[in-house]
Every structure is written in C-alpha cells, then in structure tokens.
Amino acid sequence: MPDHTLAQAFIQFSLESGVLKFGSFKTKAGRMSPYFFNAGLFDDGAKLSRLAGYYAQALVQSGLQFDMIFGPAYKGIPLGAAVAIELARMGHNYPFAYNRKEAKDHGEGGTLVGAPLKGRVLIVDDVMSAGTAVRESIALIQNAGATAYGVAIALDRQEMATEVAADGKVKDVAHSAVQYVRETLGLKVCALAQLSDLLVYLGTQSANDMAQHLPAVQAYRDRYGVT
C-alpha cells in the first residue's frame, strides 16, 4: 500500500504538471475513462527530478529489498535512470540497466545496456495496463540469470484487466494488472498512488472545481474497479 501523505502529494503534483487530466478518454482496453494519466508529460528536468524523488521516497518507505534497477524501453529508461540517481543522492546506490527494442549488431551488441543483470531486479515503469511489458522484462531478466523481484509504478488504476477470448473478443477479467503481477507472477509492486487515493483527493477539494469530477471517477471505479 502506498503512503497516503505521499500519494496525495503526488496526485497534486500530477495535476499541476498536466499529467493527470479529467474529461472523457478512451483507454487501451476500449473503456471511456473520466480521467487520464500521461506520464510522458513529466517532460522537463524539474518535473522528472520531482517525479524521481517521489519514486525514491516510496521505495525507501516500502522496505523492498532489491539489488539493482531495470528500466524497460522506452519510458522506463529515463525514469529508471532518474530514480537510480535520486536513490543514490539519498544514500542508496544501485546498479542500473535498460534494454533496447532492437538488438545492436556492432560494438557491445545485444539488447541490454548498463550494469550486468544480477541478483534481485526492480523494474521501474510509469503505469501497468495489462502486465505484458512486465512479462517481457521478466523474460529478459531471467535470460540474463537474474531474478525479477518487483515493479515500481506511478499509478495503480485498480481496475479490471482485459484478455482476448478464444473467439477473438476482448473481455474483462476479475483481477487488475497489478494483482496479476503480484499474485500470478509473484513480484512485489510499489505504486506511488492508487485510484482510491485519487478519490480521497477529490473528496477533499470541495473549495474548488476538482470536486465536480468525483461522481464520474467514483462511477468508473464502481463499474470497473477491483478490491
């Protein structure tokens, strides 16, 4: 569970940065969501530094015991690097590695860059929609002889994941992507904030126009949410 004070501060920061927006947005699962979280808009040095600070604080508070950091291509590369820098600034220096989407056929070659993957590896990414990217990272880590230990993400949407049925249709499943990663893949998950934290935040904003979004977000949670 994320620290609630940290989660509320992170939500406020996401709103100020234009990363968290309200309206009507189509998700990868085809749902119409009343909110959208676009971590790509943490798009300057100051924002990325603050974001990495939130990750580092959450990781230290979580007590997760890992040996190195892995940033999956593409968003995870700068994010993982920034988190590694911030953790080192706090006195926790970890090796860092990332992957390329395409293998390099000259120089050092291969798809992995940075420190050799070994020990317990923490995957750092922005969001988790289906767990597909995590499975790809796990395969890379295991093939290198290391152990995928955990995942750090910015926001846990706490909603049902989807899967493709035998007839080709997309259907909802009873678990979220985060639950799947925890319970099926066996990894630890550290999230800066959850949808439940966003609902709490909106419930405290009666003095401004943020509160108007609460009913729509709550209705979305009631329809697609998981416990």
Foldseek 3Di string as FASTA:
>chain_A
DFDLVLLLVLVVLQVVLVQKDADWDQDPLRDTARIGGHPPSCPDDVSLLVVLLLLLVLVVVVPDDWAAEEQEPDQRVVNRVSNQVNNVVVVHHHWYKYFAPDWDPDDVTGTIDTDQQAEEYEYEDAEFAACPSVVVVQVVNVVSVHGHAAYEYAEAAQFFHWDQDPVRDIDTDQGGNQCCCCPVVPHYYGYSYYLVSVLVSLVVPPVDDSVVSNVRSVVVCVVTHHD
